[in-house]
Amino acid sequence: MRAVVQRVKSASVEVDEKCIGEIKKGLLIYLGVSQDDGNADLTYMVDKIPNLRIFEDEDEKMNRSILDEKGEILLVSQFTLYGDVRKGRRPSFIQAARPNLATPLYEELIQALQEKGIQVATGEFGADMKVSSINDGPVTLLLDSKKGF
């Protein structure tokens, strides 16, 4: 699994011109699932995301997590995180998981984060979405469950 994690002041997602997910202070996370992902990758993300210390404390050091801040998460599926552009000019998405594998892992991540007490808003898996956000910092991190970067 790959994730682009952005600290935000607010974020929202629309499908067919209707807002389907919205958060205030928290994290906007774009999540990609590869065809090789499974429970170990899910476990990595469930542990890593809530415990990332990327919110500032009273000394303006990144020392606080989303749990500490009682922030929210907007989780948006994005298969293009597995786009390979090393060859040619058109991305190849061979490594991206098909919906029958990606959807259950995406939904399990949502449930696991909610079980940790985090309010999670979502996009619509596979839909054409319009995402808006006000980045805070900006702080943007890349996560890869295979630790490729």
Foldseek 3Di string as FASTA:
>chain_A
DKKKKWFFQKKFKDFPNHTQWIFGGDIEIEDFDFQPDDDLLLVVCLVDQQPQQQDQDPVGDSGHGCLRVLGAYEYEYDLCVQFDCPDDHGTDSNGTHDCVPPVVSSVVSCVSNVVVVHHYTYDDPPGDMDMDTGTDVGDIDMDDSVPPD
